[in-house]
Amino acid sequence: MNKIYISKSKTSGAGRGVFAGEDFKKGDLVERCPAIVFPLKEYPIIKKTILRNYYFMWGKNTSVICLGLGSLYNHSYTPNATYKKNIKSKTIDFIALKDIKKK
């Protein structure tokens, strides 16, 4: 089984989510995702498309789409992971905030 995988979320209205295929300890790297940076002039256009639900801000006025499963991670008021933008390498790391058990 993969480290992480996509499945239907049991949370009402959440759609798909990313789930653990193995246990993660607090501080573990869950996934490192390459990011595609949109040119500044395209940011206003991106905000008007379906991509508005999947992009990450990258500075004040530009955004990125995160490859891998990064743009599909669900949002939560009690998250079990966080992300760290790596501007120079154009990647986003998803890191476990607490122990995460395999689902």
N, C-alpha and C. Protein backbone atom coordinates (compact mmCIF):
# COMPACT_ATOMS: atom_id res chain seq x y z
N MET A 1 0.85 -1.18 0.00
CA MET A 1 0.00 0.00 0.00
C MET A 1 0.89 1.24 0.00
N ASN A 2 0.36 2.32 -0.54
CA ASN A 2 1.09 3.58 -0.59
C ASN A 2 1.14 4.27 0.76
N LYS A 3 2.12 5.16 0.93
CA LYS A 3 2.21 5.96 2.17
C LYS A 3 0.94 6.75 2.39
N ILE A 4 0.40 7.31 1.33
CA ILE A 4 -0.85 8.08 1.39
C ILE A 4 -1.69 7.71 0.17
N TYR A 5 -2.99 7.92 0.27
CA TYR A 5 -3.88 7.59 -0.84
C TYR A 5 -5.12 8.47 -0.76
N ILE A 6 -5.85 8.54 -1.87
CA ILE A 6 -7.09 9.32 -1.95
C ILE A 6 -8.26 8.37 -1.75
N SER A 7 -9.25 8.84 -0.98
CA SER A 7 -10.48 8.09 -0.79
C SER A 7 -11.61 9.06 -0.49
N LYS A 8 -12.82 8.57 -0.54
CA LYS A 8 -13.98 9.40 -0.21
C LYS A 8 -13.93 9.71 1.29
N SER A 9 -14.11 10.97 1.62
CA SER A 9 -14.09 11.40 3.01
C SER A 9 -15.43 11.09 3.67
N LYS A 10 -15.39 10.68 4.93
CA LYS A 10 -16.61 10.43 5.68
C LYS A 10 -17.21 11.71 6.22
N THR A 11 -16.45 12.81 6.16
CA THR A 11 -16.94 14.11 6.62
C THR A 11 -17.94 14.63 5.59
N SER A 12 -19.10 15.00 6.04
CA SER A 12 -20.16 15.47 5.15
C SER A 12 -19.69 16.66 4.31
N GLY A 13 -19.86 16.55 3.00
CA GLY A 13 -19.53 17.64 2.10
C GLY A 13 -18.06 17.79 1.77
N ALA A 14 -17.21 16.94 2.32
CA ALA A 14 -15.77 17.08 2.10
C ALA A 14 -15.31 16.48 0.78
N GLY A 15 -16.10 15.58 0.19
CA GLY A 15 -15.68 14.95 -1.07
C GLY A 15 -14.55 13.96 -0.83
N ARG A 16 -13.48 14.11 -1.62
CA ARG A 16 -12.33 13.23 -1.48
C ARG A 16 -11.37 13.79 -0.44
N GLY A 17 -10.56 12.91 0.10
CA GLY A 17 -9.53 13.34 1.04
C GLY A 17 -8.29 12.48 0.88
N VAL A 18 -7.24 12.89 1.53
CA VAL A 18 -5.98 12.15 1.52
C VAL A 18 -5.86 11.43 2.85
N PHE A 19 -5.56 10.14 2.80
CA PHE A 19 -5.50 9.30 3.99
C PHE A 19 -4.16 8.60 4.11
N ALA A 20 -3.83 8.22 5.33
CA ALA A 20 -2.55 7.56 5.62
C ALA A 20 -2.64 6.08 5.29
N GLY A 21 -1.70 5.62 4.47
CA GLY A 21 -1.57 4.20 4.16
C GLY A 21 -0.57 3.52 5.08
N GLU A 22 0.09 4.32 5.92
CA GLU A 22 1.01 3.82 6.94
C GLU A 22 0.98 4.80 8.10
N ASP A 23 1.49 4.38 9.24
CA ASP A 23 1.53 5.27 10.42
C ASP A 23 2.60 6.34 10.22
N PHE A 24 2.30 7.55 10.70
CA PHE A 24 3.27 8.65 10.72
C PHE A 24 3.44 9.12 12.15
N LYS A 25 4.65 9.44 12.52
CA LYS A 25 4.94 10.03 13.82
C LYS A 25 4.92 11.55 13.70
N LYS A 26 4.63 12.23 14.79
CA LYS A 26 4.67 13.69 14.81
C LYS A 26 6.01 14.16 14.26
N GLY A 27 5.99 15.10 13.32
CA GLY A 27 7.21 15.63 12.71
C GLY A 27 7.62 14.93 11.44
N ASP A 28 7.02 13.77 11.12
CA ASP A 28 7.37 13.05 9.89
C ASP A 28 6.94 13.84 8.66
N LEU A 29 7.73 13.72 7.60
CA LEU A 29 7.35 14.25 6.31
C LEU A 29 6.33 13.30 5.70
N VAL A 30 5.13 13.79 5.47
CA VAL A 30 4.07 12.98 4.87
C VAL A 30 4.24 12.96 3.35
N GLU A 31 4.51 14.14 2.79
CA GLU A 31 4.68 14.23 1.34
C GLU A 31 5.43 15.53 1.00
N ARG A 32 6.30 15.45 0.02
CA ARG A 32 6.95 16.64 -0.55
C ARG A 32 6.42 16.78 -1.98
N CYS A 33 5.76 17.89 -2.24
CA CYS A 33 5.09 18.08 -3.52
C CYS A 33 5.74 19.18 -4.33
N PRO A 34 6.02 18.92 -5.61
CA PRO A 34 6.46 20.00 -6.48
C PRO A 34 5.31 20.99 -6.67
N ALA A 35 5.64 22.24 -6.91
CA ALA A 35 4.62 23.27 -7.09
C ALA A 35 4.81 23.96 -8.43
N ILE A 36 3.69 24.22 -9.09
CA ILE A 36 3.71 24.99 -10.33
C ILE A 36 3.29 26.41 -9.98
N VAL A 37 4.19 27.35 -10.18
CA VAL A 37 3.94 28.75 -9.82
C VAL A 37 3.24 29.44 -11.00
N PHE A 38 2.09 30.05 -10.70
CA PHE A 38 1.39 30.83 -11.73
C PHE A 38 2.04 32.21 -11.84
N PRO A 39 2.21 32.69 -13.05
CA PRO A 39 2.72 34.06 -13.20
C PRO A 39 1.78 35.05 -12.53
N LEU A 40 2.33 36.12 -12.00
CA LEU A 40 1.57 37.14 -11.28
C LEU A 40 0.36 37.62 -12.08
N LYS A 41 0.52 37.82 -13.36
CA LYS A 41 -0.59 38.34 -14.18
C LYS A 41 -1.74 37.34 -14.31
N GLU A 42 -1.50 36.05 -14.03
CA GLU A 42 -2.55 35.04 -14.14
C GLU A 42 -3.32 34.84 -12.84
N TYR A 43 -2.83 35.39 -11.73
CA TYR A 43 -3.48 35.20 -10.43
C TYR A 43 -4.95 35.63 -10.44
N PRO A 44 -5.31 36.80 -10.97
CA PRO A 44 -6.73 37.18 -10.99
C PRO A 44 -7.60 36.22 -11.80
N ILE A 45 -7.03 35.61 -12.83
CA ILE A 45 -7.77 34.65 -13.64
C ILE A 45 -7.99 33.36 -12.86
N ILE A 46 -6.93 32.87 -12.22
CA ILE A 46 -7.00 31.62 -11.46
C ILE A 46 -8.09 31.71 -10.39
N LYS A 47 -8.22 32.86 -9.73
CA LYS A 47 -9.23 33.03 -8.68
C LYS A 47 -10.65 32.85 -9.19
N LYS A 48 -10.85 32.96 -10.49
CA LYS A 48 -12.19 32.85 -11.08
C LYS A 48 -12.48 31.46 -11.64
N THR A 49 -11.55 30.52 -11.44
CA THR A 49 -11.72 29.17 -11.99
C THR A 49 -11.90 28.16 -10.86
N ILE A 50 -12.15 26.93 -11.23
CA ILE A 50 -12.27 25.84 -10.25
C ILE A 50 -10.98 25.66 -9.45
N LEU A 51 -9.87 26.11 -10.01
CA LEU A 51 -8.59 25.99 -9.31
C LEU A 51 -8.55 26.80 -8.02
N ARG A 52 -9.49 27.74 -7.84
CA ARG A 52 -9.54 28.53 -6.60
C ARG A 52 -9.68 27.63 -5.36
N ASN A 53 -10.22 26.44 -5.55
CA ASN A 53 -10.39 25.51 -4.43
C ASN A 53 -9.14 24.69 -4.14
N TYR A 54 -8.12 24.82 -4.99
CA TYR A 54 -6.97 23.94 -4.88
C TYR A 54 -5.62 24.63 -4.82
N TYR A 55 -5.57 25.94 -4.99
CA TYR A 55 -4.26 26.60 -5.03
C TYR A 55 -3.81 27.04 -3.64
N PHE A 56 -2.51 27.31 -3.55
CA PHE A 56 -1.88 27.85 -2.35
C PHE A 56 -1.35 29.23 -2.71
N MET A 57 -1.46 30.16 -1.79
CA MET A 57 -0.84 31.47 -2.01
C MET A 57 0.68 31.29 -1.96
N TRP A 58 1.36 32.04 -2.78
CA TRP A 58 2.82 31.97 -2.91
C TRP A 58 3.33 33.39 -2.93
N GLY A 59 3.43 33.99 -1.77
CA GLY A 59 3.69 35.42 -1.70
C GLY A 59 2.35 36.15 -1.62
N LYS A 60 2.37 37.46 -1.85
CA LYS A 60 1.15 38.27 -1.71
C LYS A 60 0.19 38.14 -2.87
N ASN A 61 0.71 38.06 -4.09
CA ASN A 61 -0.16 38.16 -5.25
C ASN A 61 0.00 37.06 -6.28
N THR A 62 0.57 35.96 -5.90
CA THR A 62 0.66 34.86 -6.85
C THR A 62 0.30 33.57 -6.12
N SER A 63 0.18 32.51 -6.88
CA SER A 63 -0.28 31.25 -6.30
C SER A 63 0.41 30.09 -7.00
N VAL A 64 0.23 28.91 -6.40
CA VAL A 64 0.78 27.68 -6.98
C VAL A 64 -0.27 26.57 -6.91
N ILE A 65 -0.13 25.65 -7.81
CA ILE A 65 -0.84 24.38 -7.71
C ILE A 65 0.19 23.38 -7.26
N CYS A 66 -0.18 22.63 -6.27
CA CYS A 66 0.70 21.65 -5.67
C CYS A 66 0.45 20.30 -6.36
N LEU A 67 1.50 19.71 -6.92
CA LEU A 67 1.36 18.41 -7.56
C LEU A 67 1.36 17.31 -6.51
N GLY A 68 1.45 16.07 -6.93
CA GLY A 68 1.27 14.98 -5.97
C GLY A 68 -0.17 15.04 -5.49
N LEU A 69 -0.37 14.78 -4.21
CA LEU A 69 -1.72 14.88 -3.64
C LEU A 69 -1.93 16.19 -2.89
N GLY A 70 -0.93 17.05 -2.91
CA GLY A 70 -0.94 18.27 -2.11
C GLY A 70 -2.15 19.15 -2.22
N SER A 71 -2.66 19.34 -3.42
CA SER A 71 -3.82 20.22 -3.58
C SER A 71 -5.13 19.55 -3.18
N LEU A 72 -5.07 18.27 -2.80
CA LEU A 72 -6.28 17.55 -2.41
C LEU A 72 -6.42 17.34 -0.90
N TYR A 73 -5.43 17.80 -0.13
CA TYR A 73 -5.55 17.67 1.31
C TYR A 73 -6.74 18.50 1.78
N ASN A 74 -7.58 17.93 2.64
CA ASN A 74 -8.73 18.66 3.16
C ASN A 74 -8.30 19.62 4.26
N HIS A 75 -9.11 20.63 4.46
CA HIS A 75 -8.86 21.61 5.52
C HIS A 75 -9.61 21.18 6.77
N SER A 76 -9.07 21.51 7.94
CA SER A 76 -9.69 21.14 9.20
C SER A 76 -9.34 22.17 10.26
N TYR A 77 -10.27 22.38 11.20
CA TYR A 77 -9.97 23.26 12.33
C TYR A 77 -9.07 22.54 13.33
N THR A 78 -8.98 21.22 13.21
CA THR A 78 -8.09 20.42 14.05
C THR A 78 -7.22 19.52 13.14
N PRO A 79 -6.31 20.12 12.39
CA PRO A 79 -5.54 19.35 11.41
C PRO A 79 -4.55 18.39 12.07
N ASN A 80 -4.23 17.32 11.33
CA ASN A 80 -3.20 16.41 11.81
C ASN A 80 -1.90 16.61 11.03
N ALA A 81 -1.92 17.55 10.07
CA ALA A 81 -0.70 17.88 9.31
C ALA A 81 -0.72 19.36 8.98
N THR A 82 0.45 19.88 8.71
CA THR A 82 0.60 21.28 8.28
C THR A 82 1.48 21.28 7.04
N TYR A 83 1.65 22.44 6.47
CA TYR A 83 2.51 22.52 5.29
C TYR A 83 3.53 23.63 5.44
N LYS A 84 4.65 23.44 4.74
CA LYS A 84 5.73 24.42 4.72
C LYS A 84 6.10 24.67 3.28
N LYS A 85 6.01 25.94 2.86
CA LYS A 85 6.37 26.32 1.50
C LYS A 85 7.88 26.47 1.40
N ASN A 86 8.45 25.91 0.36
CA ASN A 86 9.88 26.04 0.08
C ASN A 86 10.00 26.83 -1.22
N ILE A 87 10.06 28.15 -1.08
CA ILE A 87 10.01 29.05 -2.23
C ILE A 87 11.16 28.76 -3.21
N LYS A 88 12.36 28.61 -2.69
CA LYS A 88 13.54 28.44 -3.55
C LYS A 88 13.45 27.15 -4.38
N SER A 89 13.03 26.05 -3.75
CA SER A 89 12.96 24.78 -4.48
C SER A 89 11.61 24.53 -5.14
N LYS A 90 10.66 25.45 -4.94
CA LYS A 90 9.31 25.33 -5.50
C LYS A 90 8.66 24.00 -5.12
N THR A 91 8.70 23.73 -3.82
CA THR A 91 8.04 22.55 -3.28
C THR A 91 7.25 22.94 -2.03
N ILE A 92 6.32 22.07 -1.67
CA ILE A 92 5.57 22.23 -0.42
C ILE A 92 5.68 20.91 0.34
N ASP A 93 6.13 21.00 1.59
CA ASP A 93 6.23 19.83 2.46
C ASP A 93 5.00 19.75 3.35
N PHE A 94 4.43 18.57 3.45
CA PHE A 94 3.33 18.31 4.39
C PHE A 94 3.91 17.49 5.53
N ILE A 95 3.75 18.01 6.76
CA ILE A 95 4.42 17.45 7.94
C ILE A 95 3.38 17.11 8.99
N ALA A 96 3.52 15.94 9.59
CA ALA A 96 2.58 15.49 10.63
C ALA A 96 2.70 16.37 11.87
N LEU A 97 1.56 16.91 12.33
CA LEU A 97 1.52 17.70 13.56
C LEU A 97 1.38 16.81 14.80
N LYS A 98 0.92 15.60 14.57
CA LYS A 98 0.74 14.62 15.65
C LYS A 98 0.85 13.25 15.01
N ASP A 99 0.88 12.23 15.84
CA ASP A 99 0.91 10.86 15.29
C ASP A 99 -0.35 10.65 14.47
N ILE A 100 -0.18 10.04 13.30
CA ILE A 100 -1.30 9.75 12.41
C ILE A 100 -1.33 8.25 12.17
N LYS A 101 -2.44 7.63 12.45
CA LYS A 101 -2.59 6.19 12.27
C LYS A 101 -3.07 5.87 10.86
N LYS A 102 -2.60 4.75 10.36
CA LYS A 102 -3.01 4.24 9.05
C LYS A 102 -4.52 4.04 9.04
N LYS A 103 -5.17 4.41 7.95
CA LYS A 103 -6.63 4.22 7.80
C LYS A 103 -6.93 3.03 6.94
